[in-house]
Amino acid sequence: MKIRFYGQLGEKLGGEIDLALPPGTATVAELRNKLAKMFPDAAGDLLERSRACIADAIVGEDRMLADAKLVEFFPPLSGG
């Protein structure tokens, strides 16, 4: 699975990584926890301040990853 990072996460981790999901990693929340353990310097951004996107839609923490080929993590967005 490809994982792309934007904003501060992209600066800290690079723009993209390839990750084979370990057994038992089924949801966005579980992926976040795995990434936070892999990249402790970015754990705060991963766990608290980013939004996950799959197939051009922001998804919740319970979104299953079985069919996802790409997960993107965006910083909080604001606009006006």
PDB file of N, CA and C in Angstrom:
ATOM      1  N   MET A   1       0.841  -1.162   0.000  1.00  0.00           N
ATOM      2  CA  MET A   1       0.000   0.000   0.000  1.00  0.00           C
ATOM      3  C   MET A   1       0.891   1.231   0.000  1.00  0.00           C
ATOM      4  N   LYS A   2       0.492   2.229  -0.766  1.00  0.00           N
ATOM      5  CA  LYS A   2       1.193   3.504  -0.755  1.00  0.00           C
ATOM      6  C   LYS A   2       0.542   4.405   0.286  1.00  0.00           C
ATOM      7  N   ILE A   3       1.390   5.131   0.995  1.00  0.00           N
ATOM      8  CA  ILE A   3       0.911   6.089   1.973  1.00  0.00           C
ATOM      9  C   ILE A   3       1.592   7.409   1.662  1.00  0.00           C
ATOM     10  N   ARG A   4       0.799   8.443   1.459  1.00  0.00           N
ATOM     11  CA  ARG A   4       1.332   9.768   1.157  1.00  0.00           C
ATOM     12  C   ARG A   4       1.057  10.703   2.329  1.00  0.00           C
ATOM     13  N   PHE A   5       2.028  11.577   2.541  1.00  0.00           N
ATOM     14  CA  PHE A   5       1.939  12.537   3.633  1.00  0.00           C
ATOM     15  C   PHE A   5       2.065  13.949   3.077  1.00  0.00           C
ATOM     16  N   TYR A   6       1.301  14.875   3.648  1.00  0.00           N
ATOM     17  CA  TYR A   6       1.317  16.260   3.218  1.00  0.00           C
ATOM     18  C   TYR A   6       1.568  17.157   4.419  1.00  0.00           C
ATOM     19  N   GLY A   7       1.944  18.385   4.161  1.00  0.00           N
ATOM     20  CA  GLY A   7       2.196  19.344   5.228  1.00  0.00           C
ATOM     21  C   GLY A   7       3.402  18.940   6.057  1.00  0.00           C
ATOM     22  N   GLN A   8       3.313  19.141   7.371  1.00  0.00           N
ATOM     23  CA  GLN A   8       4.427  18.816   8.264  1.00  0.00           C
ATOM     24  C   GLN A   8       4.796  17.341   8.209  1.00  0.00           C
ATOM     25  N   LEU A   9       3.801  16.477   8.048  1.00  0.00           N
ATOM     26  CA  LEU A   9       4.108  15.044   7.951  1.00  0.00           C
ATOM     27  C   LEU A   9       4.962  14.766   6.724  1.00  0.00           C
ATOM     28  N   GLY A  10       4.644  15.402   5.616  1.00  0.00           N
ATOM     29  CA  GLY A  10       5.442  15.228   4.405  1.00  0.00           C
ATOM     30  C   GLY A  10       6.874  15.705   4.606  1.00  0.00           C
ATOM     31  N   GLU A  11       7.029  16.804   5.338  1.00  0.00           N
ATOM     32  CA  GLU A  11       8.363  17.321   5.617  1.00  0.00           C
ATOM     33  C   GLU A  11       9.147  16.376   6.516  1.00  0.00           C
ATOM     34  N   LYS A  12       8.483  15.789   7.493  1.00  0.00           N
ATOM     35  CA  LYS A  12       9.152  14.900   8.437  1.00  0.00           C
ATOM     36  C   LYS A  12       9.436  13.520   7.853  1.00  0.00           C
ATOM     37  N   LEU A  13       8.485  12.982   7.078  1.00  0.00           N
ATOM     38  CA  LEU A  13       8.568  11.587   6.647  1.00  0.00           C
ATOM     39  C   LEU A  13       8.847  11.406   5.167  1.00  0.00           C
ATOM     40  N   GLY A  14       8.942  12.488   4.432  1.00  0.00           N
ATOM     41  CA  GLY A  14       9.032  12.377   2.987  1.00  0.00           C
ATOM     42  C   GLY A  14       7.618  12.315   2.435  1.00  0.00           C
ATOM     43  N   GLY A  15       7.482  12.456   1.163  1.00  0.00           N
ATOM     44  CA  GLY A  15       6.160  12.527   0.581  1.00  0.00           C
ATOM     45  C   GLY A  15       5.405  11.227   0.528  1.00  0.00           C
ATOM     46  N   GLU A  16       6.114  10.099   0.431  1.00  0.00           N
ATOM     47  CA  GLU A  16       5.410   8.836   0.208  1.00  0.00           C
ATOM     48  C   GLU A  16       6.251   7.663   0.703  1.00  0.00           C
ATOM     49  N   ILE A  17       5.567   6.671   1.238  1.00  0.00           N
ATOM     50  CA  ILE A  17       6.220   5.405   1.585  1.00  0.00           C
ATOM     51  C   ILE A  17       5.370   4.261   1.049  1.00  0.00           C
ATOM     52  N   ASP A  18       5.993   3.128   0.852  1.00  0.00           N
ATOM     53  CA  ASP A  18       5.285   1.890   0.551  1.00  0.00           C
ATOM     54  C   ASP A  18       5.317   1.056   1.813  1.00  0.00           C
ATOM     55  N   LEU A  19       4.185   0.493   2.178  1.00  0.00           N
ATOM     56  CA  LEU A  19       4.097  -0.280   3.408  1.00  0.00           C
ATOM     57  C   LEU A  19       3.245  -1.512   3.183  1.00  0.00           C
ATOM     58  N   ALA A  20       3.816  -2.657   3.476  1.00  0.00           N
ATOM     59  CA  ALA A  20       3.021  -3.890   3.486  1.00  0.00           C
ATOM     60  C   ALA A  20       2.325  -3.921   4.836  1.00  0.00           C
ATOM     61  N   LEU A  21       1.016  -3.954   4.822  1.00  0.00           N
ATOM     62  CA  LEU A  21       0.281  -3.948   6.080  1.00  0.00           C
ATOM     63  C   LEU A  21       0.526  -5.230   6.857  1.00  0.00           C
ATOM     64  N   PRO A  22       0.906  -5.089   8.107  1.00  0.00           N
ATOM     65  CA  PRO A  22       1.084  -6.279   8.920  1.00  0.00           C
ATOM     66  C   PRO A  22      -0.263  -6.937   9.211  1.00  0.00           C
ATOM     67  N   PRO A  23      -0.261  -8.222   9.444  1.00  0.00           N
ATOM     68  CA  PRO A  23      -1.516  -8.899   9.783  1.00  0.00           C
ATOM     69  C   PRO A  23      -2.194  -8.194  10.957  1.00  0.00           C
ATOM     70  N   GLY A  24      -3.490  -8.070  10.869  1.00  0.00           N
ATOM     71  CA  GLY A  24      -4.237  -7.438  11.946  1.00  0.00           C
ATOM     72  C   GLY A  24      -4.411  -5.940  11.785  1.00  0.00           C
ATOM     73  N   THR A  25      -3.788  -5.342  10.761  1.00  0.00           N
ATOM     74  CA  THR A  25      -3.962  -3.919  10.523  1.00  0.00           C
ATOM     75  C   THR A  25      -5.124  -3.765   9.557  1.00  0.00           C
ATOM     76  N   ALA A  26      -6.285  -3.448  10.086  1.00  0.00           N
ATOM     77  CA  ALA A  26      -7.482  -3.480   9.267  1.00  0.00           C
ATOM     78  C   ALA A  26      -8.161  -2.118   9.111  1.00  0.00           C
ATOM     79  N   THR A  27      -7.912  -1.178  10.003  1.00  0.00           N
ATOM     80  CA  THR A  27      -8.606   0.103   9.963  1.00  0.00           C
ATOM     81  C   THR A  27      -7.616   1.263   9.903  1.00  0.00           C
ATOM     82  N   VAL A  28      -8.147   2.433   9.598  1.00  0.00           N
ATOM     83  CA  VAL A  28      -7.322   3.643   9.589  1.00  0.00           C
ATOM     84  C   VAL A  28      -6.698   3.858  10.966  1.00  0.00           C
ATOM     85  N   ALA A  29      -7.450   3.655  12.023  1.00  0.00           N
ATOM     86  CA  ALA A  29      -6.921   3.845  13.382  1.00  0.00           C
ATOM     87  C   ALA A  29      -5.735   2.924  13.636  1.00  0.00           C
ATOM     88  N   GLU A  30      -5.843   1.680  13.216  1.00  0.00           N
ATOM     89  CA  GLU A  30      -4.731   0.737  13.413  1.00  0.00           C
ATOM     90  C   GLU A  30      -3.527   1.132  12.567  1.00  0.00           C
ATOM     91  N   LEU A  31      -3.769   1.627  11.361  1.00  0.00           N
ATOM     92  CA  LEU A  31      -2.663   2.104  10.525  1.00  0.00           C
ATOM     93  C   LEU A  31      -1.988   3.294  11.183  1.00  0.00           C
ATOM     94  N   ARG A  32      -2.757   4.236  11.700  1.00  0.00           N
ATOM     95  CA  ARG A  32      -2.166   5.391  12.394  1.00  0.00           C
ATOM     96  C   ARG A  32      -1.262   4.942  13.543  1.00  0.00           C
ATOM     97  N   ASN A  33      -1.756   4.000  14.341  1.00  0.00           N
ATOM     98  CA  ASN A  33      -0.960   3.522  15.479  1.00  0.00           C
ATOM     99  C   ASN A  33       0.326   2.853  15.014  1.00  0.00           C
ATOM    100  N   LYS A  34       0.249   2.077  13.947  1.00  0.00           N
ATOM    101  CA  LYS A  34       1.445   1.427  13.395  1.00  0.00           C
ATOM    102  C   LYS A  34       2.445   2.477  12.911  1.00  0.00           C
ATOM    103  N   LEU A  35       1.960   3.477  12.174  1.00  0.00           N
ATOM    104  CA  LEU A  35       2.844   4.529  11.683  1.00  0.00           C
ATOM    105  C   LEU A  35       3.455   5.337  12.827  1.00  0.00           C
ATOM    106  N   ALA A  36       2.670   5.595  13.868  1.00  0.00           N
ATOM    107  CA  ALA A  36       3.181   6.345  15.022  1.00  0.00           C
ATOM    108  C   ALA A  36       4.317   5.588  15.708  1.00  0.00           C
ATOM    109  N   LYS A  37       4.218   4.260  15.752  1.00  0.00           N
ATOM    110  CA  LYS A  37       5.301   3.454  16.337  1.00  0.00           C
ATOM    111  C   LYS A  37       6.525   3.443  15.429  1.00  0.00           C
ATOM    112  N   MET A  38       6.301   3.423  14.127  1.00  0.00           N
ATOM    113  CA  MET A  38       7.410   3.433  13.169  1.00  0.00           C
ATOM    114  C   MET A  38       8.127   4.777  13.141  1.00  0.00           C
ATOM    115  N   PHE A  39       7.364   5.870  13.316  1.00  0.00           N
ATOM    116  CA  PHE A  39       7.893   7.230  13.213  1.00  0.00           C
ATOM    117  C   PHE A  39       7.520   8.031  14.455  1.00  0.00           C
ATOM    118  N   PRO A  40       8.163   7.746  15.596  1.00  0.00           N
ATOM    119  CA  PRO A  40       7.765   8.406  16.850  1.00  0.00           C
ATOM    120  C   PRO A  40       7.888   9.929  16.813  1.00  0.00           C
ATOM    121  N   ASP A  41       8.785  10.473  16.017  1.00  0.00           N
ATOM    122  CA  ASP A  41       8.918  11.930  15.942  1.00  0.00           C
ATOM    123  C   ASP A  41       7.696  12.583  15.300  1.00  0.00           C
ATOM    124  N   ALA A  42       6.913  11.817  14.566  1.00  0.00           N
ATOM    125  CA  ALA A  42       5.726  12.343  13.905  1.00  0.00           C
ATOM    126  C   ALA A  42       4.432  11.838  14.549  1.00  0.00           C
ATOM    127  N   ALA A  43       4.543  11.163  15.670  1.00  0.00           N
ATOM    128  CA  ALA A  43       3.375  10.529  16.290  1.00  0.00           C
ATOM    129  C   ALA A  43       2.267  11.532  16.607  1.00  0.00           C
ATOM    130  N   GLY A  44       2.617  12.697  17.130  1.00  0.00           N
ATOM    131  CA  GLY A  44       1.601  13.687  17.463  1.00  0.00           C
ATOM    132  C   GLY A  44       0.801  14.115  16.244  1.00  0.00           C
ATOM    133  N   ASP A  45       1.501  14.391  15.147  1.00  0.00           N
ATOM    134  CA  ASP A  45       0.812  14.780  13.913  1.00  0.00           C
ATOM    135  C   ASP A  45      -0.030  13.635  13.372  1.00  0.00           C
ATOM    136  N   LEU A  46       0.498  12.432  13.426  1.00  0.00           N
ATOM    137  CA  LEU A  46      -0.232  11.279  12.897  1.00  0.00           C
ATOM    138  C   LEU A  46      -1.481  10.974  13.708  1.00  0.00           C
ATOM    139  N   LEU A  47      -1.368  11.020  15.011  1.00  0.00           N
ATOM    140  CA  LEU A  47      -2.456  10.583  15.874  1.00  0.00           C
ATOM    141  C   LEU A  47      -3.476  11.673  16.185  1.00  0.00           C
ATOM    142  N   GLU A  48      -3.060  12.925  16.164  1.00  0.00           N
ATOM    143  CA  GLU A  48      -3.948  13.970  16.668  1.00  0.00           C
ATOM    144  C   GLU A  48      -4.319  15.038  15.660  1.00  0.00           C
ATOM    145  N   ARG A  49      -3.473  15.279  14.673  1.00  0.00           N
ATOM    146  CA  ARG A  49      -3.710  16.466  13.860  1.00  0.00           C
ATOM    147  C   ARG A  49      -3.873  16.215  12.370  1.00  0.00           C
ATOM    148  N   SER A  50      -3.964  15.003  11.931  1.00  0.00           N
ATOM    149  CA  SER A  50      -4.096  14.764  10.491  1.00  0.00           C
ATOM    150  C   SER A  50      -5.427  14.093  10.168  1.00  0.00           C
ATOM    151  N   ARG A  51      -5.802  14.215   8.921  1.00  0.00           N
ATOM    152  CA  ARG A  51      -7.019  13.580   8.407  1.00  0.00           C
ATOM    153  C   ARG A  51      -6.609  12.529   7.385  1.00  0.00           C
ATOM    154  N   ALA A  52      -7.268  11.401   7.411  1.00  0.00           N
ATOM    155  CA  ALA A  52      -6.980  10.329   6.456  1.00  0.00           C
ATOM    156  C   ALA A  52      -7.921  10.439   5.270  1.00  0.00           C
ATOM    157  N   CYS A  53      -7.385  10.160   4.102  1.00  0.00           N
ATOM    158  CA  CYS A  53      -8.162  10.230   2.879  1.00  0.00           C
ATOM    159  C   CYS A  53      -7.920   8.954   2.070  1.00  0.00           C
ATOM    160  N   ILE A  54      -9.005   8.343   1.606  1.00  0.00           N
ATOM    161  CA  ILE A  54      -8.944   7.167   0.735  1.00  0.00           C
ATOM    162  C   ILE A  54      -9.899   7.423  -0.423  1.00  0.00           C
ATOM    163  N   ALA A  55      -9.413   7.211  -1.638  1.00  0.00           N
ATOM    164  CA  ALA A  55     -10.246   7.391  -2.844  1.00  0.00           C
ATOM    165  C   ALA A  55     -10.875   8.783  -2.887  1.00  0.00           C
ATOM    166  N   ASP A  56     -10.053   9.789  -2.613  1.00  0.00           N
ATOM    167  CA  ASP A  56     -10.482  11.189  -2.692  1.00  0.00           C
ATOM    168  C   ASP A  56     -11.574  11.572  -1.691  1.00  0.00           C
ATOM    169  N   ALA A  57     -11.692  10.829  -0.604  1.00  0.00           N
ATOM    170  CA  ALA A  57     -12.679  11.163   0.426  1.00  0.00           C
ATOM    171  C   ALA A  57     -12.031  11.057   1.803  1.00  0.00           C
ATOM    172  N   ILE A  58     -12.326  12.034   2.654  1.00  0.00           N
ATOM    173  CA  ILE A  58     -11.860  11.957   4.036  1.00  0.00           C
ATOM    174  C   ILE A  58     -12.652  10.850   4.715  1.00  0.00           C
ATOM    175  N   VAL A  59     -11.932   9.990   5.423  1.00  0.00           N
ATOM    176  CA  VAL A  59     -12.566   8.814   6.023  1.00  0.00           C
ATOM    177  C   VAL A  59     -12.389   8.816   7.535  1.00  0.00           C
ATOM    178  N   GLY A  60     -13.249   8.082   8.205  1.00  0.00           N
ATOM    179  CA  GLY A  60     -13.197   7.943   9.655  1.00  0.00           C
ATOM    180  C   GLY A  60     -12.191   6.893  10.088  1.00  0.00           C
ATOM    181  N   GLU A  61     -11.989   6.847  11.371  1.00  0.00           N
ATOM    182  CA  GLU A  61     -11.002   5.937  11.947  1.00  0.00           C
ATOM    183  C   GLU A  61     -11.389   4.470  11.802  1.00  0.00           C
ATOM    184  N   ASP A  62     -12.658   4.190  11.636  1.00  0.00           N
ATOM    185  CA  ASP A  62     -13.104   2.802  11.524  1.00  0.00           C
ATOM    186  C   ASP A  62     -13.138   2.307  10.077  1.00  0.00           C
ATOM    187  N   ARG A  63     -12.706   3.138   9.126  1.00  0.00           N
ATOM    188  CA  ARG A  63     -12.695   2.740   7.710  1.00  0.00           C
ATOM    189  C   ARG A  63     -11.753   1.556   7.522  1.00  0.00           C
ATOM    190  N   MET A  64     -12.268   0.503   6.907  1.00  0.00           N
ATOM    191  CA  MET A  64     -11.471  -0.688   6.639  1.00  0.00           C
ATOM    192  C   MET A  64     -10.504  -0.416   5.487  1.00  0.00           C
ATOM    193  N   LEU A  65      -9.330  -1.039   5.540  1.00  0.00           N
ATOM    194  CA  LEU A  65      -8.291  -0.801   4.553  1.00  0.00           C
ATOM    195  C   LEU A  65      -8.157  -1.899   3.503  1.00  0.00           C
ATOM    196  N   ALA A  66      -8.967  -2.915   3.563  1.00  0.00           N
ATOM    197  CA  ALA A  66      -8.804  -4.082   2.699  1.00  0.00           C
ATOM    198  C   ALA A  66      -8.726  -3.735   1.219  1.00  0.00           C
ATOM    199  N   ASP A  67      -9.519  -2.780   0.752  1.00  0.00           N
ATOM    200  CA  ASP A  67      -9.537  -2.450  -0.670  1.00  0.00           C
ATOM    201  C   ASP A  67      -8.710  -1.212  -1.010  1.00  0.00           C
ATOM    202  N   ALA A  68      -8.072  -0.605  -0.041  1.00  0.00           N
ATOM    203  CA  ALA A  68      -7.323   0.635  -0.270  1.00  0.00           C
ATOM    204  C   ALA A  68      -5.931   0.347  -0.831  1.00  0.00           C
ATOM    205  N   LYS A  69      -5.603   1.037  -1.898  1.00  0.00           N
ATOM    206  CA  LYS A  69      -4.257   0.945  -2.468  1.00  0.00           C
ATOM    207  C   LYS A  69      -3.421   2.160  -2.087  1.00  0.00           C
ATOM    208  N   LEU A  70      -4.111   3.247  -1.701  1.00  0.00           N
ATOM    209  CA  LEU A  70      -3.459   4.492  -1.334  1.00  0.00           C
ATOM    210  C   LEU A  70      -4.208   5.108  -0.168  1.00  0.00           C
ATOM    211  N   VAL A  71      -3.448   5.503   0.856  1.00  0.00           N
ATOM    212  CA  VAL A  71      -3.992   6.265   1.978  1.00  0.00           C
ATOM    213  C   VAL A  71      -3.170   7.542   2.057  1.00  0.00           C
ATOM    214  N   GLU A  72      -3.862   8.678   2.176  1.00  0.00           N
ATOM    215  CA  GLU A  72      -3.177   9.953   2.268  1.00  0.00           C
ATOM    216  C   GLU A  72      -3.513  10.605   3.604  1.00  0.00           C
ATOM    217  N   PHE A  73      -2.504  11.238   4.203  1.00  0.00           N
ATOM    218  CA  PHE A  73      -2.702  11.942   5.466  1.00  0.00           C
ATOM    219  C   PHE A  73      -2.447  13.427   5.236  1.00  0.00           C
ATOM    220  N   PHE A  74      -3.483  14.227   5.521  1.00  0.00           N
ATOM    221  CA  PHE A  74      -3.443  15.662   5.325  1.00  0.00           C
ATOM    222  C   PHE A  74      -3.454  16.378   6.664  1.00  0.00           C
ATOM    223  N   PRO A  75      -2.811  17.536   6.733  1.00  0.00           N
ATOM    224  CA  PRO A  75      -2.917  18.350   7.946  1.00  0.00           C
ATOM    225  C   PRO A  75      -4.327  18.908   8.058  1.00  0.00           C
ATOM    226  N   PRO A  76      -4.687  19.417   9.233  1.00  0.00           N
ATOM    227  CA  PRO A  76      -6.005  20.049   9.355  1.00  0.00           C
ATOM    228  C   PRO A  76      -6.122  21.161   8.320  1.00  0.00           C
ATOM    229  N   LEU A  77      -7.287  21.281   7.750  1.00  0.00           N
ATOM    230  CA  LEU A  77      -7.500  22.295   6.719  1.00  0.00           C
ATOM    231  C   LEU A  77      -8.415  23.383   7.257  1.00  0.00           C
ATOM    232  N   SER A  78      -8.140  24.582   6.795  1.00  0.00           N
ATOM    233  CA  SER A  78      -9.043  25.685   7.116  1.00  0.00           C
ATOM    234  C   SER A  78      -9.238  26.488   5.850  1.00  0.00           C
ATOM    235  N   GLY A  79     -10.265  27.196   5.825  1.00  0.00           N
ATOM    236  CA  GLY A  79     -10.524  27.998   4.633  1.00  0.00           C
ATOM    237  C   GLY A  79     -11.469  29.134   4.944  1.00  0.00           C
ATOM    238  N   GLY A  80     -11.708  29.910   3.945  1.00  0.00           N
ATOM    239  CA  GLY A  80     -12.582  31.022   4.197  1.00  0.00           C
ATOM    240  C   GLY A  80     -13.214  31.497   2.924  1.00  0.00           C
TER     241      GLY A  80
END
